[in-house]
Amino acid sequence: MSGRTVRLRSTDADATVHARHGLGPHPRTLEVAGLGLEQACMTITAEMAEPTC
């Protein structure tokens, strides 16, 4: 959270937006964006490096 901006990361954007909408008060603007190629690659590599115990 930065000032009046909140950034969320989610693996299911549809569910996140739906859940957020139910919380109220509703945001003035809402932007949903996908990961860039570099961010997606870093996320996948980090997940592969995590132990699976």
C-alpha atoms as a PDB file:
ATOM      1  CA  MET A   1       0.000   0.000   0.000  1.00  0.00           C
ATOM      2  CA  SER A   2       1.427   3.346  -1.009  1.00  0.00           C
ATOM      3  CA  GLY A   3      -0.630   6.439  -0.234  1.00  0.00           C
ATOM      4  CA  ARG A   4      -3.924   5.732  -1.929  1.00  0.00           C
ATOM      5  CA  THR A   5      -2.585   2.938  -4.135  1.00  0.00           C
ATOM      6  CA  VAL A   6      -2.868  -0.734  -3.239  1.00  0.00           C
ATOM      7  CA  ARG A   7      -1.165  -3.417  -5.321  1.00  0.00           C
ATOM      8  CA  LEU A   8      -2.155  -7.049  -5.092  1.00  0.00           C
ATOM      9  CA  ARG A   9      -0.677 -10.155  -6.652  1.00  0.00           C
ATOM     10  CA  SER A  10      -2.956 -13.055  -7.338  1.00  0.00           C
ATOM     11  CA  THR A  11      -2.934 -16.320  -9.209  1.00  0.00           C
ATOM     12  CA  ASP A  12      -6.664 -15.887  -9.892  1.00  0.00           C
ATOM     13  CA  ALA A  13      -7.469 -12.299 -10.884  1.00  0.00           C
ATOM     14  CA  ASP A  14     -11.179 -13.020 -11.426  1.00  0.00           C
ATOM     15  CA  ALA A  15     -11.627 -14.403  -7.904  1.00  0.00           C
ATOM     16  CA  THR A  16      -9.585 -11.568  -6.410  1.00  0.00           C
ATOM     17  CA  VAL A  17     -11.656  -8.864  -8.113  1.00  0.00           C
ATOM     18  CA  HIS A  18     -14.884 -10.627  -7.124  1.00  0.00           C
ATOM     19  CA  ALA A  19     -13.782 -10.911  -3.470  1.00  0.00           C
ATOM     20  CA  ARG A  20     -12.547  -7.315  -3.392  1.00  0.00           C
ATOM     21  CA  HIS A  21     -15.840  -6.064  -4.803  1.00  0.00           C
ATOM     22  CA  GLY A  22     -17.709  -7.737  -1.937  1.00  0.00           C
ATOM     23  CA  LEU A  23     -15.652  -5.951   0.725  1.00  0.00           C
ATOM     24  CA  GLY A  24     -16.713  -2.337  -0.055  1.00  0.00           C
ATOM     25  CA  PRO A  25     -16.114   0.553  -0.155  1.00  0.00           C
ATOM     26  CA  HIS A  26     -15.539   0.253  -3.863  1.00  0.00           C
ATOM     27  CA  PRO A  27     -12.378   1.717  -5.410  1.00  0.00           C
ATOM     28  CA  ARG A  28     -12.682   4.636  -7.816  1.00  0.00           C
ATOM     29  CA  THR A  29     -10.440   2.908 -10.315  1.00  0.00           C
ATOM     30  CA  LEU A  30      -9.327  -0.667 -10.679  1.00  0.00           C
ATOM     31  CA  GLU A  31      -6.603  -1.915 -12.984  1.00  0.00           C
ATOM     32  CA  VAL A  32      -5.972  -5.589 -13.647  1.00  0.00           C
ATOM     33  CA  ALA A  33      -2.770  -6.397 -15.513  1.00  0.00           C
ATOM     34  CA  GLY A  34      -0.852  -9.530 -16.350  1.00  0.00           C
ATOM     35  CA  LEU A  35       2.772 -10.095 -15.518  1.00  0.00           C
ATOM     36  CA  GLY A  36       5.393  -9.001 -17.967  1.00  0.00           C
ATOM     37  CA  LEU A  37       7.520 -11.742 -19.502  1.00  0.00           C
ATOM     38  CA  GLU A  38      10.453 -11.091 -17.155  1.00  0.00           C
ATOM     39  CA  GLN A  39       8.233 -11.086 -14.050  1.00  0.00           C
ATOM     40  CA  ALA A  40       6.471 -14.264 -15.136  1.00  0.00           C
ATOM     41  CA  CYS A  41       9.791 -16.040 -15.750  1.00  0.00           C
ATOM     42  CA  MET A  42      11.139 -14.948 -12.339  1.00  0.00           C
ATOM     43  CA  THR A  43       7.952 -16.152 -10.613  1.00  0.00           C
ATOM     44  CA  ILE A  44       8.049 -19.554 -12.304  1.00  0.00           C
ATOM     45  CA  THR A  45      11.750 -20.025 -11.514  1.00  0.00           C
ATOM     46  CA  ALA A  46      11.258 -19.045  -7.874  1.00  0.00           C
ATOM     47  CA  GLU A  47       8.366 -21.508  -7.535  1.00  0.00           C
ATOM     48  CA  MET A  48      10.512 -24.285  -9.008  1.00  0.00           C
ATOM     49  CA  ALA A  49      13.289 -23.564  -6.493  1.00  0.00           C
ATOM     50  CA  GLU A  50      10.987 -23.849  -3.443  1.00  0.00           C
ATOM     51  CA  PRO A  51      11.205 -27.114  -1.499  1.00  0.00           C
ATOM     52  CA  THR A  52       8.167 -29.361  -1.879  1.00  0.00           C
ATOM     53  CA  CYS A  53       8.290 -31.109   1.532  1.00  0.00           C
END
